[in-house]
Amino acid sequence: LFPTILETINRNTDYTIQFETRKVPCYALVHRGKKGELRTDGSSPKSTLYNPENPYLQNGSIDKLVSLLNHIPELKLPVVDQTGITFNVDLYFDQGLQDLKVIAEQLRKYNLELKPSSAQLKVLVIRRK
């Protein structure tokens, strides 16, 4: 459906829309601890990351945390995963993840950090014909 919409806009308006890969500013989620220290204990998978009180990720992919971080309005830049973590993790936060200071504090408990960076990301580009 999306390619059809793009094609229709490109054909019938004074604009062209396309995806391009560009180097953009972002936050990189990095892990500063020992490899494997966040590995899940094997409990059944559960996630309440979007819960404003006591969110957690149990036996889940770090991608779920990155997805949540990308939906937090206070983080004005995209977040990319540069942890190198390929296994499922258990992360329990005792505060909601909405405020930048609290997010940094909560991530630090797991040797995780959001650091300013840049990355090649696919972006939507709109140009006048």
N, C-alpha and C. Protein backbone atom coordinates (compact mmCIF):
# COMPACT_ATOMS: atom_id res chain seq x y z
N LEU A 1 0.82 -1.20 0.00
CA LEU A 1 0.00 0.00 0.00
C LEU A 1 0.87 1.26 0.00
N PHE A 2 1.91 1.29 0.86
CA PHE A 2 2.75 2.47 0.96
C PHE A 2 3.44 2.80 -0.36
N PRO A 3 4.02 1.81 -1.07
CA PRO A 3 4.63 2.14 -2.38
C PRO A 3 3.62 2.73 -3.36
N THR A 4 2.38 2.26 -3.31
CA THR A 4 1.33 2.78 -4.19
C THR A 4 1.03 4.23 -3.86
N ILE A 5 0.98 4.55 -2.57
CA ILE A 5 0.73 5.94 -2.15
C ILE A 5 1.87 6.84 -2.63
N LEU A 6 3.11 6.40 -2.43
CA LEU A 6 4.25 7.19 -2.90
C LEU A 6 4.19 7.42 -4.40
N GLU A 7 3.90 6.37 -5.13
CA GLU A 7 3.81 6.47 -6.59
C GLU A 7 2.73 7.46 -7.01
N THR A 8 1.59 7.41 -6.35
CA THR A 8 0.47 8.31 -6.66
C THR A 8 0.86 9.76 -6.38
N ILE A 9 1.49 10.01 -5.25
CA ILE A 9 1.93 11.37 -4.91
C ILE A 9 2.96 11.86 -5.93
N ASN A 10 3.91 11.00 -6.24
CA ASN A 10 4.97 11.38 -7.19
C ASN A 10 4.41 11.69 -8.58
N ARG A 11 3.38 10.96 -8.97
CA ARG A 11 2.82 11.13 -10.30
C ARG A 11 1.85 12.31 -10.39
N ASN A 12 1.14 12.59 -9.28
CA ASN A 12 0.02 13.53 -9.36
C ASN A 12 0.19 14.84 -8.59
N THR A 13 1.35 15.09 -8.06
CA THR A 13 1.56 16.34 -7.32
C THR A 13 2.83 17.04 -7.80
N ASP A 14 3.08 18.19 -7.23
CA ASP A 14 4.29 18.94 -7.56
C ASP A 14 5.48 18.51 -6.70
N TYR A 15 5.36 17.36 -6.08
CA TYR A 15 6.41 16.88 -5.18
C TYR A 15 6.85 15.47 -5.55
N THR A 16 8.09 15.17 -5.20
CA THR A 16 8.57 13.79 -5.28
C THR A 16 8.92 13.37 -3.85
N ILE A 17 8.56 12.16 -3.55
CA ILE A 17 8.82 11.61 -2.23
C ILE A 17 9.55 10.30 -2.41
N GLN A 18 10.64 10.14 -1.68
CA GLN A 18 11.39 8.90 -1.76
C GLN A 18 12.19 8.69 -0.47
N PHE A 19 12.59 7.45 -0.24
CA PHE A 19 13.45 7.15 0.89
C PHE A 19 14.90 7.23 0.44
N GLU A 20 15.73 7.84 1.29
CA GLU A 20 17.16 7.92 1.04
C GLU A 20 17.89 7.58 2.32
N THR A 21 19.08 7.04 2.18
CA THR A 21 19.92 6.78 3.34
C THR A 21 20.83 7.98 3.53
N ARG A 22 20.76 8.54 4.75
CA ARG A 22 21.56 9.73 5.06
C ARG A 22 22.18 9.58 6.44
N LYS A 23 23.31 10.23 6.61
CA LYS A 23 23.94 10.27 7.93
C LYS A 23 23.20 11.33 8.74
N VAL A 24 22.60 10.89 9.86
CA VAL A 24 21.80 11.80 10.67
C VAL A 24 22.24 11.72 12.14
N PRO A 25 22.05 12.80 12.88
CA PRO A 25 22.34 12.75 14.31
C PRO A 25 21.35 11.82 15.00
N CYS A 26 21.80 11.12 16.02
CA CYS A 26 20.95 10.18 16.74
C CYS A 26 21.54 9.95 18.13
N TYR A 27 20.85 9.14 18.90
CA TYR A 27 21.40 8.60 20.14
C TYR A 27 21.74 7.14 19.87
N ALA A 28 22.90 6.73 20.33
CA ALA A 28 23.29 5.32 20.24
C ALA A 28 23.10 4.70 21.61
N LEU A 29 22.35 3.61 21.67
CA LEU A 29 22.24 2.85 22.91
C LEU A 29 23.43 1.91 22.95
N VAL A 30 24.30 2.10 23.93
CA VAL A 30 25.52 1.29 24.04
C VAL A 30 25.54 0.57 25.38
N HIS A 31 26.23 -0.56 25.41
CA HIS A 31 26.39 -1.35 26.64
C HIS A 31 27.84 -1.27 27.05
N ARG A 32 28.08 -0.88 28.30
CA ARG A 32 29.43 -0.70 28.82
C ARG A 32 29.88 -1.84 29.73
N GLY A 33 29.04 -2.84 29.89
CA GLY A 33 29.36 -3.92 30.82
C GLY A 33 29.93 -5.14 30.14
N LYS A 34 29.95 -6.25 30.90
CA LYS A 34 30.47 -7.51 30.38
C LYS A 34 29.44 -8.16 29.47
N LYS A 35 29.93 -8.74 28.40
CA LYS A 35 29.04 -9.42 27.46
C LYS A 35 28.31 -10.54 28.21
N GLY A 36 27.02 -10.60 28.06
CA GLY A 36 26.23 -11.67 28.67
C GLY A 36 25.64 -11.32 30.02
N GLU A 37 26.04 -10.18 30.63
CA GLU A 37 25.55 -9.87 31.97
C GLU A 37 24.05 -9.58 32.01
N LEU A 38 23.46 -9.21 30.89
CA LEU A 38 22.03 -8.90 30.86
C LEU A 38 21.19 -10.07 30.35
N ARG A 39 21.83 -11.20 30.10
CA ARG A 39 21.12 -12.35 29.54
C ARG A 39 19.94 -12.74 30.43
N THR A 40 18.83 -13.06 29.81
CA THR A 40 17.62 -13.43 30.53
C THR A 40 17.84 -14.66 31.40
N ASP A 41 17.03 -14.77 32.45
CA ASP A 41 17.10 -15.97 33.29
C ASP A 41 16.23 -17.09 32.71
N GLY A 42 15.56 -16.79 31.59
CA GLY A 42 14.78 -17.82 30.91
C GLY A 42 13.30 -17.83 31.27
N SER A 43 12.85 -16.86 32.07
CA SER A 43 11.43 -16.78 32.40
C SER A 43 10.61 -16.57 31.14
N SER A 44 9.31 -16.75 31.25
CA SER A 44 8.46 -16.57 30.07
C SER A 44 8.51 -15.11 29.62
N PRO A 45 8.47 -14.88 28.31
CA PRO A 45 8.57 -13.51 27.78
C PRO A 45 7.38 -12.65 28.21
N LYS A 46 7.68 -11.45 28.73
CA LYS A 46 6.66 -10.47 29.12
C LYS A 46 7.25 -9.08 28.94
N SER A 47 6.39 -8.12 28.66
CA SER A 47 6.85 -6.74 28.54
C SER A 47 5.76 -5.78 28.98
N THR A 48 6.14 -4.85 29.84
CA THR A 48 5.26 -3.74 30.20
C THR A 48 6.02 -2.43 29.99
N LEU A 49 6.89 -2.39 28.99
CA LEU A 49 7.74 -1.23 28.78
C LEU A 49 6.96 0.07 28.60
N TYR A 50 5.75 -0.01 28.06
CA TYR A 50 4.98 1.20 27.83
C TYR A 50 4.15 1.61 29.05
N ASN A 51 4.25 0.85 30.13
CA ASN A 51 3.58 1.18 31.38
C ASN A 51 4.34 2.32 32.05
N PRO A 52 3.68 3.40 32.43
CA PRO A 52 4.39 4.53 33.01
C PRO A 52 4.97 4.26 34.41
N GLU A 53 4.51 3.21 35.06
CA GLU A 53 5.03 2.87 36.39
C GLU A 53 5.64 1.47 36.35
N ASN A 54 6.87 1.36 36.81
CA ASN A 54 7.58 0.08 36.91
C ASN A 54 7.58 -0.74 35.62
N PRO A 55 8.00 -0.16 34.52
CA PRO A 55 8.06 -0.93 33.27
C PRO A 55 9.15 -2.00 33.34
N TYR A 56 8.93 -3.09 32.62
CA TYR A 56 9.96 -4.12 32.55
C TYR A 56 9.90 -4.87 31.22
N LEU A 57 11.02 -5.49 30.92
CA LEU A 57 11.16 -6.36 29.75
C LEU A 57 11.75 -7.66 30.26
N GLN A 58 11.01 -8.71 30.16
CA GLN A 58 11.45 -10.02 30.66
C GLN A 58 11.59 -10.98 29.50
N ASN A 59 12.79 -11.53 29.33
CA ASN A 59 13.09 -12.47 28.25
C ASN A 59 12.67 -11.88 26.89
N GLY A 60 13.14 -10.65 26.65
CA GLY A 60 12.79 -9.97 25.40
C GLY A 60 14.01 -9.40 24.70
N SER A 61 13.82 -9.02 23.47
CA SER A 61 14.89 -8.46 22.64
C SER A 61 15.16 -7.02 23.03
N ILE A 62 16.42 -6.63 23.01
CA ILE A 62 16.81 -5.24 23.27
C ILE A 62 16.14 -4.31 22.26
N ASP A 63 15.74 -4.84 21.11
CA ASP A 63 15.03 -4.05 20.09
C ASP A 63 13.74 -3.46 20.66
N LYS A 64 13.10 -4.16 21.59
CA LYS A 64 11.86 -3.65 22.20
C LYS A 64 12.15 -2.40 23.02
N LEU A 65 13.28 -2.38 23.72
CA LEU A 65 13.66 -1.18 24.46
C LEU A 65 13.96 -0.03 23.50
N VAL A 66 14.68 -0.31 22.43
CA VAL A 66 14.99 0.71 21.43
C VAL A 66 13.71 1.27 20.82
N SER A 67 12.76 0.40 20.53
CA SER A 67 11.48 0.84 19.98
C SER A 67 10.77 1.79 20.95
N LEU A 68 10.75 1.43 22.22
CA LEU A 68 10.14 2.31 23.23
C LEU A 68 10.84 3.66 23.25
N LEU A 69 12.16 3.65 23.30
CA LEU A 69 12.92 4.90 23.34
C LEU A 69 12.62 5.78 22.13
N ASN A 70 12.37 5.16 20.99
CA ASN A 70 12.05 5.92 19.78
C ASN A 70 10.64 6.52 19.82
N HIS A 71 9.85 6.16 20.80
CA HIS A 71 8.50 6.72 20.94
C HIS A 71 8.39 7.73 22.08
N ILE A 72 9.51 8.08 22.69
CA ILE A 72 9.49 9.04 23.80
C ILE A 72 9.72 10.44 23.23
N PRO A 73 8.71 11.32 23.34
CA PRO A 73 8.79 12.64 22.73
C PRO A 73 10.00 13.47 23.20
N GLU A 74 10.43 13.31 24.44
CA GLU A 74 11.55 14.11 24.95
C GLU A 74 12.86 13.78 24.23
N LEU A 75 12.98 12.58 23.71
CA LEU A 75 14.17 12.22 22.93
C LEU A 75 13.93 12.73 21.51
N LYS A 76 14.52 13.85 21.20
CA LYS A 76 14.25 14.53 19.92
C LYS A 76 14.94 13.88 18.73
N LEU A 77 15.85 12.93 19.00
CA LEU A 77 16.60 12.25 17.94
C LEU A 77 16.26 10.76 17.94
N PRO A 78 16.42 10.10 16.80
CA PRO A 78 16.20 8.66 16.78
C PRO A 78 17.24 7.93 17.64
N VAL A 79 16.86 6.75 18.10
CA VAL A 79 17.76 5.90 18.90
C VAL A 79 18.10 4.67 18.07
N VAL A 80 19.40 4.34 18.01
CA VAL A 80 19.85 3.15 17.29
C VAL A 80 20.53 2.22 18.29
N ASP A 81 20.40 0.94 18.05
CA ASP A 81 21.00 -0.07 18.91
C ASP A 81 22.44 -0.31 18.52
N GLN A 82 23.35 0.02 19.41
CA GLN A 82 24.76 -0.28 19.20
C GLN A 82 25.30 -1.06 20.39
N THR A 83 24.42 -1.84 21.04
CA THR A 83 24.82 -2.62 22.21
C THR A 83 25.60 -3.86 21.83
N GLY A 84 25.31 -4.41 20.65
CA GLY A 84 25.91 -5.69 20.28
C GLY A 84 25.22 -6.86 20.96
N ILE A 85 24.15 -6.60 21.68
CA ILE A 85 23.41 -7.66 22.40
C ILE A 85 22.50 -8.38 21.42
N THR A 86 22.71 -9.70 21.26
CA THR A 86 21.91 -10.49 20.33
C THR A 86 21.03 -11.51 21.05
N PHE A 87 21.16 -11.58 22.36
CA PHE A 87 20.38 -12.53 23.17
C PHE A 87 19.25 -11.77 23.87
N ASN A 88 18.26 -12.51 24.36
CA ASN A 88 17.17 -11.88 25.11
C ASN A 88 17.67 -11.43 26.48
N VAL A 89 17.01 -10.38 26.99
CA VAL A 89 17.44 -9.76 28.25
C VAL A 89 16.28 -9.62 29.22
N ASP A 90 16.62 -9.39 30.48
CA ASP A 90 15.66 -9.03 31.52
C ASP A 90 16.04 -7.64 32.02
N LEU A 91 15.13 -6.67 31.89
CA LEU A 91 15.37 -5.30 32.36
C LEU A 91 14.16 -4.86 33.18
N TYR A 92 14.40 -4.45 34.41
CA TYR A 92 13.34 -4.02 35.31
C TYR A 92 13.63 -2.59 35.76
N PHE A 93 12.70 -1.70 35.51
CA PHE A 93 12.88 -0.29 35.84
C PHE A 93 11.92 0.09 36.96
N ASP A 94 12.43 0.80 37.97
CA ASP A 94 11.55 1.17 39.08
C ASP A 94 10.90 2.53 38.89
N GLN A 95 11.13 3.15 37.75
CA GLN A 95 10.46 4.40 37.40
C GLN A 95 10.10 4.35 35.91
N GLY A 96 9.10 5.15 35.54
CA GLY A 96 8.73 5.23 34.13
C GLY A 96 9.85 5.81 33.29
N LEU A 97 9.83 5.53 32.02
CA LEU A 97 10.89 5.97 31.11
C LEU A 97 10.38 7.11 30.22
N GLN A 98 10.07 8.24 30.83
CA GLN A 98 9.56 9.37 30.06
C GLN A 98 10.46 10.59 30.14
N ASP A 99 11.20 10.74 31.20
CA ASP A 99 12.06 11.90 31.42
C ASP A 99 13.51 11.51 31.13
N LEU A 100 14.22 12.36 30.39
CA LEU A 100 15.58 12.04 29.94
C LEU A 100 16.52 11.73 31.10
N LYS A 101 16.44 12.49 32.17
CA LYS A 101 17.31 12.26 33.33
C LYS A 101 17.01 10.90 33.97
N VAL A 102 15.74 10.58 34.10
CA VAL A 102 15.33 9.30 34.69
C VAL A 102 15.73 8.15 33.77
N ILE A 103 15.57 8.33 32.47
CA ILE A 103 15.96 7.29 31.51
C ILE A 103 17.44 6.98 31.67
N ALA A 104 18.29 8.01 31.71
CA ALA A 104 19.73 7.82 31.86
C ALA A 104 20.05 7.08 33.16
N GLU A 105 19.38 7.46 34.22
CA GLU A 105 19.57 6.83 35.54
C GLU A 105 19.18 5.35 35.50
N GLN A 106 18.04 5.07 34.93
CA GLN A 106 17.53 3.70 34.87
C GLN A 106 18.41 2.82 33.98
N LEU A 107 18.87 3.34 32.86
CA LEU A 107 19.72 2.58 31.95
C LEU A 107 21.07 2.28 32.59
N ARG A 108 21.58 3.25 33.35
CA ARG A 108 22.89 3.10 33.99
C ARG A 108 22.95 1.87 34.90
N LYS A 109 21.82 1.51 35.51
CA LYS A 109 21.78 0.32 36.38
C LYS A 109 22.18 -0.94 35.63
N TYR A 110 22.01 -0.93 34.32
CA TYR A 110 22.32 -2.09 33.48
C TYR A 110 23.54 -1.86 32.60
N ASN A 111 24.33 -0.87 32.95
CA ASN A 111 25.51 -0.50 32.16
C ASN A 111 25.13 -0.14 30.73
N LEU A 112 23.95 0.44 30.57
CA LEU A 112 23.49 0.93 29.28
C LEU A 112 23.55 2.45 29.29
N GLU A 113 23.77 3.02 28.13
CA GLU A 113 23.88 4.48 28.04
C GLU A 113 23.39 4.95 26.67
N LEU A 114 22.74 6.10 26.68
CA LEU A 114 22.39 6.77 25.43
C LEU A 114 23.44 7.84 25.19
N LYS A 115 24.18 7.70 24.10
CA LYS A 115 25.20 8.72 23.82
C LYS A 115 24.94 9.36 22.46
N PRO A 116 25.17 10.66 22.37
CA PRO A 116 24.99 11.34 21.08
C PRO A 116 25.91 10.72 20.04
N SER A 117 25.36 10.53 18.85
CA SER A 117 26.12 9.88 17.79
C SER A 117 25.54 10.30 16.45
N SER A 118 25.95 9.62 15.40
CA SER A 118 25.34 9.77 14.08
C SER A 118 25.34 8.40 13.42
N ALA A 119 24.39 8.19 12.53
CA ALA A 119 24.28 6.89 11.87
C ALA A 119 23.65 7.07 10.50
N GLN A 120 23.91 6.12 9.63
CA GLN A 120 23.27 6.08 8.31
C GLN A 120 21.87 5.50 8.50
N LEU A 121 20.86 6.32 8.32
CA LEU A 121 19.47 5.88 8.50
C LEU A 121 18.65 6.20 7.27
N LYS A 122 17.65 5.39 7.05
CA LYS A 122 16.72 5.63 5.94
C LYS A 122 15.74 6.72 6.38
N VAL A 123 15.65 7.78 5.58
CA VAL A 123 14.75 8.90 5.88
C VAL A 123 13.85 9.17 4.68
N LEU A 124 12.70 9.74 4.95
CA LEU A 124 11.76 10.12 3.91
C LEU A 124 12.11 11.54 3.45
N VAL A 125 12.35 11.71 2.15
CA VAL A 125 12.75 13.00 1.60
C VAL A 125 11.63 13.48 0.65
N ILE A 126 11.20 14.72 0.88
CA ILE A 126 10.17 15.33 0.03
C ILE A 126 10.80 16.52 -0.68
N ARG A 127 10.68 16.52 -2.00
CA ARG A 127 11.24 17.59 -2.83
C ARG A 127 10.17 18.15 -3.75
N ARG A 128 10.29 19.45 -3.99
CA ARG A 128 9.43 20.08 -5.00
C ARG A 128 10.00 19.73 -6.37
N LYS A 129 9.13 19.39 -7.33
CA LYS A 129 9.59 19.02 -8.69
C LYS A 129 10.18 20.22 -9.41
